[in-house]
Protein backbone atom coordinates (compact mmCIF):
# COMPACT_ATOMS: atom_id res chain seq x y z
CA MET A 1 0.00 0.00 0.00
CA ASP A 2 1.29 3.48 -0.86
CA GLU A 3 1.89 5.91 1.96
CA ARG A 4 0.71 9.43 1.18
CA LEU A 5 2.79 12.22 2.62
CA THR A 6 1.80 15.83 3.03
CA VAL A 7 4.23 18.61 2.26
CA LEU A 8 4.68 19.11 5.99
CA ASP A 9 5.47 15.41 6.43
CA VAL A 10 8.21 15.80 3.85
CA VAL A 11 9.54 18.90 5.60
CA GLN A 12 9.66 17.01 8.91
CA LYS A 13 11.38 13.97 7.40
CA SER A 14 13.86 16.27 5.66
CA ALA A 15 14.53 18.16 8.89
CA ASP A 16 15.14 14.88 10.71
CA PHE A 17 17.61 13.84 8.01
CA LEU A 18 19.42 17.19 8.09
CA GLU A 19 19.63 17.05 11.88
CA ARG A 20 21.24 13.59 11.71
CA LYS A 21 23.79 15.09 9.31
CA SER A 22 24.49 17.94 11.79
CA VAL A 23 23.18 20.66 9.49
CA GLU A 24 22.62 23.94 11.30
CA SER A 25 18.92 24.93 11.58
CA PRO A 26 17.61 21.71 10.05
CA ARG A 27 13.91 22.69 10.10
CA LEU A 28 14.54 26.06 8.47
CA ASN A 29 16.74 24.50 5.79
CA ALA A 30 14.17 21.78 5.12
CA GLU A 31 11.49 24.45 4.69
CA TRP A 32 13.67 26.43 2.27
CA LEU A 33 14.44 23.30 0.23
CA ALA A 34 10.77 22.30 0.00
CA ALA A 35 9.68 25.83 -0.89
CA HIS A 36 12.36 26.06 -3.58
CA ALA A 37 11.39 22.69 -5.06
CA LEU A 38 7.73 23.75 -5.18
CA LYS A 39 8.57 27.27 -6.43
CA ILE A 40 6.63 28.92 -3.63
CA GLY A 41 7.50 31.09 -0.65
CA ARG A 42 8.44 29.40 2.60
CA MET A 43 5.35 30.69 4.43
CA GLU A 44 3.14 29.29 1.68
CA LEU A 45 4.13 25.80 2.84
CA TYR A 46 1.93 26.41 5.87
CA MET A 47 -0.80 28.43 4.20
CA GLN A 48 -1.51 26.22 1.16
CA PHE A 49 -0.70 22.65 2.16
CA ASP A 50 -1.90 20.30 4.88
């Protein structure tokens, strides 16, 4: 069965990965990466997707 992820699930999984790799500000960087990939502003991640 396929697992469906929301954009925020992807941000959280990305932040967890970045934290394991000792990246500074993992949540912020995960948000920027997701926003860039979707060609939207970072705040739009929270306003448009659930």
